[in-house]
Amino acid sequence: MTLHDLSELQRDALIEIFNIGVGQAAGSMSQIVGEAITLSVPIIELLHGNNQADAIGAVVRSPRICAVSQTFTGGINSKAFLIFPEGKTREIVRRMIGESVSAEELSDMEQEALSEIGNIILNSCFSSMSDLLHADFQSSLPTYHLGLVSDVMTVQKTQDDNLLLLLHIDFSMPNDQIHGYLVFLLTLPSFNALIERIDQFLSGIHAN
């Protein structure tokens, strides 16, 4: 199964669902920082393989990452991650906390701020899926990670039929643009359930 196995309508719907989710997250973050933040999902990839850490490391191009994870259960089960290459998060955190914060204070508050950012973005994506695909979800509290990809992705040894739905995400802020990643770990049944709900969503649009 690859994204090329999906129809153009299915792929477009998948991208649109996540763009709506990150758009909602951008609105929430813009209110927090008091300036315009734009988030977009320009690329979605579906990755296979029994070593998820290697697959993610190859895309992120960094041996060490900063990430926030949450587990979502319900209509579709997934462990979701917001991931940045190490060292790429400082400007986002500074915008969240404020320009007057010292470097030492910024470092101390980075984990809390990034956990909140991850919570906003990941929950917005699942909220979008819930609204459009009529699937209810329950989420765990966000967990902050910093370290080697293989250490952060503690579920790297999996069965071959597990999939990684990887979204490239662009953070556009005044005078800055930062690139991050959203990763959704899905079993093949969960991915098939997602596509089935997308087909139902598309059928509803065409029926109208």
C-alpha atoms as a PDB file:
ATOM      1  CA  MET A   1       0.000   0.000   0.000  1.00  0.00           C
ATOM      2  CA  THR A   2       1.350   3.432  -1.010  1.00  0.00           C
ATOM      3  CA  LEU A   3      -0.256   6.815  -1.488  1.00  0.00           C
ATOM      4  CA  HIS A   4      -0.104   6.086  -5.220  1.00  0.00           C
ATOM      5  CA  ASP A   5      -2.554   3.237  -4.612  1.00  0.00           C
ATOM      6  CA  LEU A   6      -5.100   5.842  -3.506  1.00  0.00           C
ATOM      7  CA  SER A   7      -7.214   7.786  -5.948  1.00  0.00           C
ATOM      8  CA  GLU A   8      -6.483  11.458  -6.550  1.00  0.00           C
ATOM      9  CA  LEU A   9      -9.665  12.337  -4.656  1.00  0.00           C
ATOM     10  CA  GLN A  10      -8.590  10.214  -1.668  1.00  0.00           C
ATOM     11  CA  ARG A  11      -5.128  11.822  -1.579  1.00  0.00           C
ATOM     12  CA  ASP A  12      -6.569  15.329  -1.908  1.00  0.00           C
ATOM     13  CA  ALA A  13      -9.080  14.651   0.876  1.00  0.00           C
ATOM     14  CA  LEU A  14      -6.321  13.340   3.143  1.00  0.00           C
ATOM     15  CA  ILE A  15      -4.202  16.453   2.591  1.00  0.00           C
ATOM     16  CA  GLU A  16      -7.205  18.750   3.036  1.00  0.00           C
ATOM     17  CA  ILE A  17      -8.203  17.130   6.336  1.00  0.00           C
ATOM     18  CA  PHE A  18      -4.749  17.704   7.787  1.00  0.00           C
ATOM     19  CA  ASN A  19      -4.480  21.211   6.339  1.00  0.00           C
ATOM     20  CA  ILE A  20      -7.743  22.101   8.087  1.00  0.00           C
ATOM     21  CA  GLY A  21      -6.349  20.660  11.326  1.00  0.00           C
ATOM     22  CA  VAL A  22      -3.052  22.536  11.212  1.00  0.00           C
ATOM     23  CA  GLY A  23      -4.916  25.665  10.111  1.00  0.00           C
ATOM     24  CA  GLN A  24      -6.965  25.480  13.306  1.00  0.00           C
ATOM     25  CA  ALA A  25      -3.745  24.961  15.264  1.00  0.00           C
ATOM     26  CA  ALA A  26      -2.187  28.007  13.591  1.00  0.00           C
ATOM     27  CA  GLY A  27      -5.131  30.122  14.703  1.00  0.00           C
ATOM     28  CA  SER A  28      -4.725  28.974  18.314  1.00  0.00           C
ATOM     29  CA  MET A  29      -0.963  29.569  18.271  1.00  0.00           C
ATOM     30  CA  SER A  30      -1.387  32.999  16.669  1.00  0.00           C
ATOM     31  CA  GLN A  31      -3.660  34.036  19.542  1.00  0.00           C
ATOM     32  CA  ILE A  32      -1.081  32.860  22.080  1.00  0.00           C
ATOM     33  CA  VAL A  33       1.890  34.700  20.543  1.00  0.00           C
ATOM     34  CA  GLY A  34      -0.031  37.749  19.324  1.00  0.00           C
ATOM     35  CA  GLU A  35       1.236  37.538  15.752  1.00  0.00           C
ATOM     36  CA  ALA A  36       0.332  35.662  12.598  1.00  0.00           C
ATOM     37  CA  ILE A  37       1.530  32.062  12.369  1.00  0.00           C
ATOM     38  CA  THR A  38       0.683  30.000   9.291  1.00  0.00           C
ATOM     39  CA  LEU A  39       0.945  26.216   9.193  1.00  0.00           C
ATOM     40  CA  SER A  40       0.601  24.131   6.049  1.00  0.00           C
ATOM     41  CA  VAL A  41       1.052  20.507   4.994  1.00  0.00           C
ATOM     42  CA  PRO A  42       2.690  20.569   1.547  1.00  0.00           C
ATOM     43  CA  ILE A  43       3.697  16.894   1.395  1.00  0.00           C
ATOM     44  CA  ILE A  44       2.319  13.608   2.745  1.00  0.00           C
ATOM     45  CA  GLU A  45       4.269  10.364   2.542  1.00  0.00           C
ATOM     46  CA  LEU A  46       3.324   6.805   3.450  1.00  0.00           C
ATOM     47  CA  LEU A  47       6.344   4.821   4.610  1.00  0.00           C
ATOM     48  CA  HIS A  48       6.704   1.081   5.112  1.00  0.00           C
ATOM     49  CA  GLY A  49       9.362  -0.999   6.782  1.00  0.00           C
ATOM     50  CA  ASN A  50      10.020  -2.841   9.995  1.00  0.00           C
ATOM     51  CA  ASN A  51      12.366  -0.192  11.368  1.00  0.00           C
ATOM     52  CA  GLN A  52      10.427   3.012  11.823  1.00  0.00           C
ATOM     53  CA  ALA A  53      13.343   4.894  13.391  1.00  0.00           C
ATOM     54  CA  ASP A  54      15.483   4.427  10.272  1.00  0.00           C
ATOM     55  CA  ALA A  55      12.634   5.541   8.013  1.00  0.00           C
ATOM     56  CA  ILE A  56      12.029   8.705  10.029  1.00  0.00           C
ATOM     57  CA  GLY A  57      15.733   9.499  10.456  1.00  0.00           C
ATOM     58  CA  ALA A  58      16.213   9.313   6.692  1.00  0.00           C
ATOM     59  CA  VAL A  59      13.434  11.849   6.086  1.00  0.00           C
ATOM     60  CA  VAL A  60      14.242  14.221   8.959  1.00  0.00           C
ATOM     61  CA  ARG A  61      17.972  14.046   8.087  1.00  0.00           C
ATOM     62  CA  SER A  62      19.032  14.415  11.690  1.00  0.00           C
ATOM     63  CA  PRO A  63      20.218  11.686  14.087  1.00  0.00           C
ATOM     64  CA  ARG A  64      18.738  13.576  17.046  1.00  0.00           C
ATOM     65  CA  ILE A  65      15.230  14.974  17.248  1.00  0.00           C
ATOM     66  CA  CYS A  66      12.944  16.920  19.539  1.00  0.00           C
ATOM     67  CA  ALA A  67       9.440  15.486  19.593  1.00  0.00           C
ATOM     68  CA  VAL A  68       6.092  15.513  21.350  1.00  0.00           C
ATOM     69  CA  SER A  69       3.952  12.374  21.220  1.00  0.00           C
ATOM     70  CA  GLN A  70       0.367  11.464  22.045  1.00  0.00           C
ATOM     71  CA  THR A  71      -1.634   8.258  21.685  1.00  0.00           C
ATOM     72  CA  PHE A  72      -5.081   8.483  20.099  1.00  0.00           C
ATOM     73  CA  THR A  73      -7.665   5.718  20.329  1.00  0.00           C
ATOM     74  CA  GLY A  74     -11.184   5.402  19.007  1.00  0.00           C
ATOM     75  CA  GLY A  75     -12.390   5.160  15.432  1.00  0.00           C
ATOM     76  CA  ILE A  76      -8.768   5.026  14.253  1.00  0.00           C
ATOM     77  CA  ASN A  77      -5.899   4.111  16.573  1.00  0.00           C
ATOM     78  CA  SER A  78      -2.560   5.879  16.185  1.00  0.00           C
ATOM     79  CA  LYS A  79       0.490   7.067  18.048  1.00  0.00           C
ATOM     80  CA  ALA A  80       1.213  10.568  16.778  1.00  0.00           C
ATOM     81  CA  PHE A  81       4.406  12.630  16.930  1.00  0.00           C
ATOM     82  CA  LEU A  82       5.296  16.244  16.199  1.00  0.00           C
ATOM     83  CA  ILE A  83       8.998  16.127  15.300  1.00  0.00           C
ATOM     84  CA  PHE A  84      11.722  18.711  14.733  1.00  0.00           C
ATOM     85  CA  PRO A  85      15.430  18.204  14.093  1.00  0.00           C
ATOM     86  CA  GLU A  86      17.302  19.040  17.306  1.00  0.00           C
ATOM     87  CA  GLY A  87      18.097  22.739  17.594  1.00  0.00           C
ATOM     88  CA  LYS A  88      15.298  23.919  15.296  1.00  0.00           C
ATOM     89  CA  THR A  89      12.698  24.675  17.958  1.00  0.00           C
ATOM     90  CA  ARG A  90      14.214  27.610  19.845  1.00  0.00           C
ATOM     91  CA  GLU A  91      12.566  30.340  17.748  1.00  0.00           C
ATOM     92  CA  ILE A  92       9.109  28.747  17.992  1.00  0.00           C
ATOM     93  CA  VAL A  93       9.474  28.487  21.760  1.00  0.00           C
ATOM     94  CA  ARG A  94      10.675  32.098  22.032  1.00  0.00           C
ATOM     95  CA  ARG A  95       7.584  33.270  20.149  1.00  0.00           C
ATOM     96  CA  MET A  96       5.368  31.271  22.524  1.00  0.00           C
ATOM     97  CA  ILE A  97       7.059  32.489  25.714  1.00  0.00           C
ATOM     98  CA  GLY A  98       8.018  36.042  24.781  1.00  0.00           C
ATOM     99  CA  GLU A  99      11.029  37.969  23.536  1.00  0.00           C
ATOM    100  CA  SER A 100      11.973  39.223  27.015  1.00  0.00           C
ATOM    101  CA  VAL A 101      12.801  35.753  28.343  1.00  0.00           C
ATOM    102  CA  SER A 102      16.508  35.095  28.960  1.00  0.00           C
ATOM    103  CA  ALA A 103      18.342  32.230  27.277  1.00  0.00           C
ATOM    104  CA  GLU A 104      18.491  30.311  30.569  1.00  0.00           C
ATOM    105  CA  GLU A 105      14.770  30.773  31.226  1.00  0.00           C
ATOM    106  CA  LEU A 106      14.020  29.813  27.633  1.00  0.00           C
ATOM    107  CA  SER A 107      15.907  26.537  28.039  1.00  0.00           C
ATOM    108  CA  ASP A 108      14.087  25.742  31.286  1.00  0.00           C
ATOM    109  CA  MET A 109      10.665  26.398  29.737  1.00  0.00           C
ATOM    110  CA  GLU A 110      11.316  24.772  26.367  1.00  0.00           C
ATOM    111  CA  GLN A 111       9.940  21.349  27.291  1.00  0.00           C
ATOM    112  CA  GLU A 112       6.676  22.775  28.636  1.00  0.00           C
ATOM    113  CA  ALA A 113       6.226  25.118  25.670  1.00  0.00           C
ATOM    114  CA  LEU A 114       6.891  22.430  23.073  1.00  0.00           C
ATOM    115  CA  SER A 115       4.550  20.020  24.836  1.00  0.00           C
ATOM    116  CA  GLU A 116       1.827  22.653  24.559  1.00  0.00           C
ATOM    117  CA  ILE A 117       2.612  23.242  20.870  1.00  0.00           C
ATOM    118  CA  GLY A 118       2.461  19.501  20.195  1.00  0.00           C
ATOM    119  CA  ASN A 119      -0.780  19.197  22.117  1.00  0.00           C
ATOM    120  CA  ILE A 120      -2.356  22.016  20.089  1.00  0.00           C
ATOM    121  CA  ILE A 121      -1.256  20.695  16.690  1.00  0.00           C
ATOM    122  CA  LEU A 122      -1.866  16.979  17.230  1.00  0.00           C
ATOM    123  CA  ASN A 123      -5.277  17.497  18.821  1.00  0.00           C
ATOM    124  CA  SER A 124      -6.278  19.911  16.066  1.00  0.00           C
ATOM    125  CA  CYS A 125      -5.469  17.270  13.440  1.00  0.00           C
ATOM    126  CA  PHE A 126      -7.550  14.635  15.196  1.00  0.00           C
ATOM    127  CA  SER A 127     -10.314  17.151  15.837  1.00  0.00           C
ATOM    128  CA  SER A 128     -10.440  17.804  12.090  1.00  0.00           C
ATOM    129  CA  MET A 129     -10.642  14.069  11.403  1.00  0.00           C
ATOM    130  CA  SER A 130     -13.339  13.705  14.042  1.00  0.00           C
ATOM    131  CA  ASP A 131     -15.463  16.504  12.573  1.00  0.00           C
ATOM    132  CA  LEU A 132     -15.126  15.533   8.927  1.00  0.00           C
ATOM    133  CA  LEU A 133     -14.957  11.744   9.199  1.00  0.00           C
ATOM    134  CA  HIS A 134     -17.320  11.306  12.160  1.00  0.00           C
ATOM    135  CA  ALA A 135     -14.776   9.385  14.231  1.00  0.00           C
ATOM    136  CA  ASP A 136     -14.480   9.919  17.978  1.00  0.00           C
ATOM    137  CA  PHE A 137     -11.039   9.934  19.612  1.00  0.00           C
ATOM    138  CA  GLN A 138      -9.581   9.864  23.091  1.00  0.00           C
ATOM    139  CA  SER A 139      -6.058  11.184  23.598  1.00  0.00           C
ATOM    140  CA  SER A 140      -3.305  10.704  26.135  1.00  0.00           C
ATOM    141  CA  LEU A 141      -1.381  13.576  27.687  1.00  0.00           C
ATOM    142  CA  PRO A 142       1.527  14.869  25.564  1.00  0.00           C
ATOM    143  CA  THR A 143       4.979  13.419  26.214  1.00  0.00           C
ATOM    144  CA  TYR A 144       8.165  15.385  25.430  1.00  0.00           C
ATOM    145  CA  HIS A 145      11.178  13.604  23.906  1.00  0.00           C
ATOM    146  CA  LEU A 146      14.720  14.708  23.115  1.00  0.00           C
ATOM    147  CA  GLY A 147      17.383  12.339  21.829  1.00  0.00           C
ATOM    148  CA  LEU A 148      18.357   9.909  19.107  1.00  0.00           C
ATOM    149  CA  VAL A 149      15.600   8.954  16.688  1.00  0.00           C
ATOM    150  CA  SER A 150      15.981   5.307  17.711  1.00  0.00           C
ATOM    151  CA  ASP A 151      15.477   6.215  21.387  1.00  0.00           C
ATOM    152  CA  VAL A 152      12.513   8.522  20.822  1.00  0.00           C
ATOM    153  CA  MET A 153      10.738   6.118  18.487  1.00  0.00           C
ATOM    154  CA  THR A 154      10.454   3.382  21.078  1.00  0.00           C
ATOM    155  CA  VAL A 155       8.188   1.325  18.823  1.00  0.00           C
ATOM    156  CA  GLN A 156      10.730   1.102  16.014  1.00  0.00           C
ATOM    157  CA  LYS A 157      10.650  -2.705  15.810  1.00  0.00           C
ATOM    158  CA  THR A 158       7.258  -3.514  14.348  1.00  0.00           C
ATOM    159  CA  GLN A 159       5.533  -5.829  11.948  1.00  0.00           C
ATOM    160  CA  ASP A 160       5.957  -5.220   8.238  1.00  0.00           C
ATOM    161  CA  ASP A 161       2.298  -4.277   7.793  1.00  0.00           C
ATOM    162  CA  ASN A 162       2.609  -1.234  10.068  1.00  0.00           C
ATOM    163  CA  LEU A 163       2.695   2.103   8.292  1.00  0.00           C
ATOM    164  CA  LEU A 164       4.053   5.583   8.886  1.00  0.00           C
ATOM    165  CA  LEU A 165       1.914   8.431   7.632  1.00  0.00           C
ATOM    166  CA  LEU A 166       4.434  11.277   7.541  1.00  0.00           C
ATOM    167  CA  LEU A 167       3.435  14.883   6.932  1.00  0.00           C
ATOM    168  CA  HIS A 168       5.893  17.656   6.188  1.00  0.00           C
ATOM    169  CA  ILE A 169       4.703  20.777   8.006  1.00  0.00           C
ATOM    170  CA  ASP A 170       5.811  24.371   7.360  1.00  0.00           C
ATOM    171  CA  PHE A 171       5.702  26.958  10.163  1.00  0.00           C
ATOM    172  CA  SER A 172       5.598  30.436   8.650  1.00  0.00           C
ATOM    173  CA  MET A 173       6.117  33.319  11.104  1.00  0.00           C
ATOM    174  CA  PRO A 174       7.151  36.934  10.588  1.00  0.00           C
ATOM    175  CA  ASN A 175      10.779  36.797   9.396  1.00  0.00           C
ATOM    176  CA  ASP A 176      11.063  33.037   9.977  1.00  0.00           C
ATOM    177  CA  GLN A 177      10.080  29.732   8.424  1.00  0.00           C
ATOM    178  CA  ILE A 178      10.675  26.436  10.230  1.00  0.00           C
ATOM    179  CA  HIS A 179      10.146  22.936   8.881  1.00  0.00           C
ATOM    180  CA  GLY A 180       8.835  20.109  11.046  1.00  0.00           C
ATOM    181  CA  TYR A 181       7.122  16.764  10.674  1.00  0.00           C
ATOM    182  CA  LEU A 182       3.979  15.039  11.849  1.00  0.00           C
ATOM    183  CA  VAL A 183       4.188  11.257  12.086  1.00  0.00           C
ATOM    184  CA  PHE A 184       1.217   8.963  12.592  1.00  0.00           C
ATOM    185  CA  LEU A 185       2.014   5.327  13.350  1.00  0.00           C
ATOM    186  CA  LEU A 186      -0.786   3.168  11.958  1.00  0.00           C
ATOM    187  CA  THR A 187      -1.425  -0.520  11.633  1.00  0.00           C
ATOM    188  CA  LEU A 188      -2.695  -1.560   8.225  1.00  0.00           C
ATOM    189  CA  PRO A 189      -6.247  -2.110   9.617  1.00  0.00           C
ATOM    190  CA  SER A 190      -6.215   1.423  11.103  1.00  0.00           C
ATOM    191  CA  PHE A 191      -5.021   2.915   7.820  1.00  0.00           C
ATOM    192  CA  ASN A 192      -7.703   0.991   5.920  1.00  0.00           C
ATOM    193  CA  ALA A 193     -10.290   2.281   8.420  1.00  0.00           C
ATOM    194  CA  LEU A 194      -9.061   5.834   7.748  1.00  0.00           C
ATOM    195  CA  ILE A 195      -9.406   5.401   3.982  1.00  0.00           C
ATOM    196  CA  GLU A 196     -12.850   3.821   4.400  1.00  0.00           C
ATOM    197  CA  ARG A 197     -14.011   6.867   6.349  1.00  0.00           C
ATOM    198  CA  ILE A 198     -12.521   9.168   3.698  1.00  0.00           C
ATOM    199  CA  ASP A 199     -14.514   7.283   1.044  1.00  0.00           C
ATOM    200  CA  GLN A 200     -17.674   7.799   3.121  1.00  0.00           C
ATOM    201  CA  PHE A 201     -16.819  11.494   3.437  1.00  0.00           C
ATOM    202  CA  LEU A 202     -16.332  11.802  -0.343  1.00  0.00           C
ATOM    203  CA  SER A 203     -19.575   9.935  -1.016  1.00  0.00           C
ATOM    204  CA  GLY A 204     -21.405  12.411   1.195  1.00  0.00           C
ATOM    205  CA  ILE A 205     -19.958  15.366  -0.720  1.00  0.00           C
ATOM    206  CA  HIS A 206     -20.921  13.889  -4.088  1.00  0.00           C
ATOM    207  CA  ALA A 207     -24.408  13.005  -2.815  1.00  0.00           C
ATOM    208  CA  ASN A 208     -24.944  16.683  -2.070  1.00  0.00           C
END
